[in-house]
């Protein structure tokens, strides 16, 4: 049996950094070991971010509805092109609303012991607001382009 020339010293734990900090140390009964449970930092919900991006996209597309609706009202093609972009804006707005509501549910139900805690409730609310505003602005732009086109035709 070979002996080591010097006894093994216990390895000290690494110093806590900003990312990995121990939350609790549980002793394993009958041994000299312990189980370290690390604190899980909260994460911004990806669904909330996606909702905000889709909502901003709906607003930007609704501005295109106004541009094409006004530019093509005299030539007769404005309402057609504005209608196509209105459909795109309403789909993006509805997606932003649905994903934002799912994100708010995800954020509300997260954070139980041992689970990741999501943040971003305000971002999800902003996505819902931007999505509904974008769809509403696009529908108003389509209505305006239809009124202008029919009034220019008569």
C-alpha atoms as a PDB file:
ATOM      1  CA  UNK A   1       0.000   0.000   0.000  1.00  0.00           C
ATOM      2  CA  UNK A   2       1.553   3.263  -1.033  1.00  0.00           C
ATOM      3  CA  UNK A   3       1.213   6.311   1.101  1.00  0.00           C
ATOM      4  CA  UNK A   4       1.094   9.825  -0.146  1.00  0.00           C
ATOM      5  CA  UNK A   5       4.051  11.950   0.907  1.00  0.00           C
ATOM      6  CA  UNK A   6       1.721  14.611   2.300  1.00  0.00           C
ATOM      7  CA  UNK A   7      -1.931  14.592   3.351  1.00  0.00           C
ATOM      8  CA  UNK A   8      -4.491  15.982   0.923  1.00  0.00           C
ATOM      9  CA  UNK A   9      -5.870  19.330   2.024  1.00  0.00           C
ATOM     10  CA  UNK A  10      -9.537  20.053   1.338  1.00  0.00           C
ATOM     11  CA  UNK A  11     -10.104  22.112  -1.741  1.00  0.00           C
ATOM     12  CA  UNK A  12     -11.598  25.478  -0.802  1.00  0.00           C
ATOM     13  CA  UNK A  13     -14.753  26.485  -2.616  1.00  0.00           C
ATOM     14  CA  UNK A  14     -14.396  29.129  -5.303  1.00  0.00           C
ATOM     15  CA  UNK A  15     -15.182  32.664  -4.203  1.00  0.00           C
ATOM     16  CA  UNK A  16     -18.721  33.709  -4.991  1.00  0.00           C
ATOM     17  CA  UNK A  17     -18.898  35.724  -8.161  1.00  0.00           C
ATOM     18  CA  UNK A  18     -21.767  37.899  -9.296  1.00  0.00           C
ATOM     19  CA  UNK A  19     -23.251  35.118 -11.379  1.00  0.00           C
ATOM     20  CA  UNK A  20     -22.910  32.041  -9.162  1.00  0.00           C
ATOM     21  CA  UNK A  21     -23.711  32.644  -5.516  1.00  0.00           C
ATOM     22  CA  UNK A  22     -24.621  29.872  -3.106  1.00  0.00           C
ATOM     23  CA  UNK A  23     -28.111  30.151  -1.762  1.00  0.00           C
ATOM     24  CA  UNK A  24     -28.019  27.235   0.640  1.00  0.00           C
ATOM     25  CA  UNK A  25     -25.641  24.459   1.730  1.00  0.00           C
ATOM     26  CA  UNK A  26     -27.197  21.165   2.788  1.00  0.00           C
ATOM     27  CA  UNK A  27     -25.038  18.711   4.714  1.00  0.00           C
ATOM     28  CA  UNK A  28     -25.064  15.154   3.370  1.00  0.00           C
ATOM     29  CA  UNK A  29     -25.691  12.980   6.443  1.00  0.00           C
ATOM     30  CA  UNK A  30     -22.938  10.546   7.370  1.00  0.00           C
ATOM     31  CA  UNK A  31     -20.288  12.237   5.234  1.00  0.00           C
ATOM     32  CA  UNK A  32     -18.174  15.327   5.361  1.00  0.00           C
ATOM     33  CA  UNK A  33     -19.683  16.589   2.138  1.00  0.00           C
ATOM     34  CA  UNK A  34     -22.312  19.162   1.480  1.00  0.00           C
ATOM     35  CA  UNK A  35     -24.666  19.942  -1.347  1.00  0.00           C
ATOM     36  CA  UNK A  36     -24.511  23.553  -2.514  1.00  0.00           C
ATOM     37  CA  UNK A  37     -27.602  24.987  -4.149  1.00  0.00           C
ATOM     38  CA  UNK A  38     -26.843  28.016  -6.254  1.00  0.00           C
ATOM     39  CA  UNK A  39     -29.115  31.011  -6.595  1.00  0.00           C
ATOM     40  CA  UNK A  40     -30.664  31.214 -10.038  1.00  0.00           C
ATOM     41  CA  UNK A  41     -30.674  34.755 -11.360  1.00  0.00           C
ATOM     42  CA  UNK A  42     -33.919  35.992 -12.931  1.00  0.00           C
ATOM     43  CA  UNK A  43     -34.108  36.005 -16.719  1.00  0.00           C
ATOM     44  CA  UNK A  44     -36.029  38.409 -18.925  1.00  0.00           C
ATOM     45  CA  UNK A  45     -38.755  36.477 -20.695  1.00  0.00           C
ATOM     46  CA  UNK A  46     -38.048  35.891 -24.371  1.00  0.00           C
ATOM     47  CA  UNK A  47     -41.766  35.833 -25.043  1.00  0.00           C
ATOM     48  CA  UNK A  48     -42.094  39.337 -23.606  1.00  0.00           C
ATOM     49  CA  UNK A  49     -39.280  40.590 -25.820  1.00  0.00           C
ATOM     50  CA  UNK A  50     -40.855  38.920 -28.849  1.00  0.00           C
ATOM     51  CA  UNK A  51     -44.181  40.543 -28.055  1.00  0.00           C
ATOM     52  CA  UNK A  52     -42.579  43.977 -27.927  1.00  0.00           C
ATOM     53  CA  UNK A  53     -40.721  43.419 -31.200  1.00  0.00           C
ATOM     54  CA  UNK A  54     -43.913  42.274 -32.940  1.00  0.00           C
ATOM     55  CA  UNK A  55     -45.841  45.222 -31.501  1.00  0.00           C
ATOM     56  CA  UNK A  56     -43.260  47.720 -32.723  1.00  0.00           C
ATOM     57  CA  UNK A  57     -43.330  45.992 -36.110  1.00  0.00           C
ATOM     58  CA  UNK A  58     -47.111  46.377 -36.221  1.00  0.00           C
ATOM     59  CA  UNK A  59     -46.786  50.109 -35.571  1.00  0.00           C
ATOM     60  CA  UNK A  60     -44.126  50.514 -38.260  1.00  0.00           C
ATOM     61  CA  UNK A  61     -46.216  48.626 -40.822  1.00  0.00           C
ATOM     62  CA  UNK A  62     -49.250  50.729 -39.904  1.00  0.00           C
ATOM     63  CA  UNK A  63     -47.263  53.829 -40.859  1.00  0.00           C
ATOM     64  CA  UNK A  64     -46.657  52.228 -44.271  1.00  0.00           C
ATOM     65  CA  UNK A  65     -50.425  51.797 -44.565  1.00  0.00           C
ATOM     66  CA  UNK A  66     -50.863  55.554 -44.189  1.00  0.00           C
ATOM     67  CA  UNK A  67     -48.069  56.323 -46.673  1.00  0.00           C
ATOM     68  CA  UNK A  68     -49.385  54.047 -49.439  1.00  0.00           C
ATOM     69  CA  UNK A  69     -53.008  54.891 -48.721  1.00  0.00           C
ATOM     70  CA  UNK A  70     -52.383  58.610 -49.126  1.00  0.00           C
ATOM     71  CA  UNK A  71     -49.923  58.317 -52.032  1.00  0.00           C
ATOM     72  CA  UNK A  72     -52.104  56.062 -54.158  1.00  0.00           C
ATOM     73  CA  UNK A  73     -55.517  57.540 -53.394  1.00  0.00           C
ATOM     74  CA  UNK A  74     -55.623  59.626 -56.583  1.00  0.00           C
ATOM     75  CA  UNK A  75     -54.367  56.828 -58.855  1.00  0.00           C
ATOM     76  CA  UNK A  76     -56.758  54.194 -57.501  1.00  0.00           C
ATOM     77  CA  UNK A  77     -54.239  51.707 -56.113  1.00  0.00           C
ATOM     78  CA  UNK A  78     -53.823  53.163 -52.607  1.00  0.00           C
ATOM     79  CA  UNK A  79     -56.594  51.262 -50.888  1.00  0.00           C
ATOM     80  CA  UNK A  80     -55.491  47.940 -52.380  1.00  0.00           C
ATOM     81  CA  UNK A  81     -51.889  48.270 -51.226  1.00  0.00           C
ATOM     82  CA  UNK A  82     -52.978  49.747 -47.881  1.00  0.00           C
ATOM     83  CA  UNK A  83     -55.287  46.757 -47.394  1.00  0.00           C
ATOM     84  CA  UNK A  84     -52.437  44.313 -47.946  1.00  0.00           C
ATOM     85  CA  UNK A  85     -50.246  46.092 -45.420  1.00  0.00           C
ATOM     86  CA  UNK A  86     -53.185  46.399 -43.031  1.00  0.00           C
ATOM     87  CA  UNK A  87     -53.523  42.630 -43.056  1.00  0.00           C
ATOM     88  CA  UNK A  88     -49.823  42.310 -42.221  1.00  0.00           C
ATOM     89  CA  UNK A  89     -50.097  44.854 -39.413  1.00  0.00           C
ATOM     90  CA  UNK A  90     -53.190  43.217 -37.912  1.00  0.00           C
ATOM     91  CA  UNK A  91     -51.508  39.794 -37.976  1.00  0.00           C
ATOM     92  CA  UNK A  92     -48.372  41.204 -36.293  1.00  0.00           C
ATOM     93  CA  UNK A  93     -50.509  43.080 -33.759  1.00  0.00           C
ATOM     94  CA  UNK A  94     -52.579  40.010 -32.920  1.00  0.00           C
ATOM     95  CA  UNK A  95     -49.384  37.987 -32.555  1.00  0.00           C
ATOM     96  CA  UNK A  96     -47.953  40.610 -30.214  1.00  0.00           C
ATOM     97  CA  UNK A  97     -51.099  40.558 -28.093  1.00  0.00           C
ATOM     98  CA  UNK A  98     -51.248  36.757 -27.860  1.00  0.00           C
ATOM     99  CA  UNK A  99     -47.538  36.315 -27.151  1.00  0.00           C
ATOM    100  CA  UNK A 100     -47.639  39.155 -24.610  1.00  0.00           C
ATOM    101  CA  UNK A 101     -50.497  37.506 -22.730  1.00  0.00           C
ATOM    102  CA  UNK A 102     -48.647  34.173 -22.727  1.00  0.00           C
ATOM    103  CA  UNK A 103     -45.514  35.953 -21.472  1.00  0.00           C
ATOM    104  CA  UNK A 104     -47.437  37.557 -18.611  1.00  0.00           C
ATOM    105  CA  UNK A 105     -48.769  34.128 -17.617  1.00  0.00           C
ATOM    106  CA  UNK A 106     -45.235  32.675 -17.825  1.00  0.00           C
ATOM    107  CA  UNK A 107     -43.848  35.468 -15.642  1.00  0.00           C
ATOM    108  CA  UNK A 108     -46.648  35.123 -13.093  1.00  0.00           C
ATOM    109  CA  UNK A 109     -46.202  31.354 -12.708  1.00  0.00           C
ATOM    110  CA  UNK A 110     -42.389  31.335 -12.586  1.00  0.00           C
ATOM    111  CA  UNK A 111     -40.136  31.560  -9.560  1.00  0.00           C
ATOM    112  CA  UNK A 112     -41.109  28.489  -7.631  1.00  0.00           C
ATOM    113  CA  UNK A 113     -38.369  26.713  -5.709  1.00  0.00           C
ATOM    114  CA  UNK A 114     -35.763  25.326  -8.066  1.00  0.00           C
ATOM    115  CA  UNK A 115     -37.229  26.985 -11.142  1.00  0.00           C
ATOM    116  CA  UNK A 116     -36.048  29.882 -13.214  1.00  0.00           C
ATOM    117  CA  UNK A 117     -37.681  33.199 -12.353  1.00  0.00           C
ATOM    118  CA  UNK A 118     -38.716  35.265 -15.364  1.00  0.00           C
ATOM    119  CA  UNK A 119     -39.001  39.035 -15.384  1.00  0.00           C
ATOM    120  CA  UNK A 120     -40.312  41.448 -18.005  1.00  0.00           C
ATOM    121  CA  UNK A 121     -43.924  42.075 -17.090  1.00  0.00           C
ATOM    122  CA  UNK A 122     -43.643  45.678 -18.244  1.00  0.00           C
ATOM    123  CA  UNK A 123     -42.100  44.609 -21.529  1.00  0.00           C
ATOM    124  CA  UNK A 124     -44.980  42.196 -22.128  1.00  0.00           C
ATOM    125  CA  UNK A 125     -47.504  44.926 -21.324  1.00  0.00           C
ATOM    126  CA  UNK A 126     -45.741  47.294 -23.727  1.00  0.00           C
ATOM    127  CA  UNK A 127     -45.862  44.593 -26.419  1.00  0.00           C
ATOM    128  CA  UNK A 128     -49.599  44.138 -25.899  1.00  0.00           C
ATOM    129  CA  UNK A 129     -50.134  47.900 -26.069  1.00  0.00           C
ATOM    130  CA  UNK A 130     -47.966  48.358 -29.169  1.00  0.00           C
ATOM    131  CA  UNK A 131     -49.642  45.431 -30.922  1.00  0.00           C
ATOM    132  CA  UNK A 132     -53.139  46.730 -30.329  1.00  0.00           C
ATOM    133  CA  UNK A 133     -52.120  50.288 -31.247  1.00  0.00           C
ATOM    134  CA  UNK A 134     -50.446  49.105 -34.454  1.00  0.00           C
ATOM    135  CA  UNK A 135     -53.485  47.113 -35.528  1.00  0.00           C
ATOM    136  CA  UNK A 136     -55.808  50.001 -34.679  1.00  0.00           C
ATOM    137  CA  UNK A 137     -53.691  52.564 -36.529  1.00  0.00           C
ATOM    138  CA  UNK A 138     -53.525  50.298 -39.583  1.00  0.00           C
ATOM    139  CA  UNK A 139     -57.300  49.838 -39.632  1.00  0.00           C
ATOM    140  CA  UNK A 140     -57.784  53.601 -39.287  1.00  0.00           C
ATOM    141  CA  UNK A 141     -55.298  54.157 -42.119  1.00  0.00           C
ATOM    142  CA  UNK A 142     -57.153  51.701 -44.331  1.00  0.00           C
ATOM    143  CA  UNK A 143     -60.455  53.430 -43.602  1.00  0.00           C
ATOM    144  CA  UNK A 144     -58.901  56.799 -44.440  1.00  0.00           C
ATOM    145  CA  UNK A 145     -57.422  55.499 -47.690  1.00  0.00           C
ATOM    146  CA  UNK A 146     -60.787  54.018 -48.699  1.00  0.00           C
ATOM    147  CA  UNK A 147     -62.550  57.301 -47.974  1.00  0.00           C
ATOM    148  CA  UNK A 148     -59.937  59.252 -49.962  1.00  0.00           C
ATOM    149  CA  UNK A 149     -60.023  56.850 -52.881  1.00  0.00           C
ATOM    150  CA  UNK A 150     -63.816  56.828 -53.126  1.00  0.00           C
ATOM    151  CA  UNK A 151     -64.010  60.604 -52.781  1.00  0.00           C
ATOM    152  CA  UNK A 152     -61.350  61.064 -55.486  1.00  0.00           C
ATOM    153  CA  UNK A 153     -63.209  58.706 -57.824  1.00  0.00           C
ATOM    154  CA  UNK A 154     -66.420  60.737 -57.731  1.00  0.00           C
END
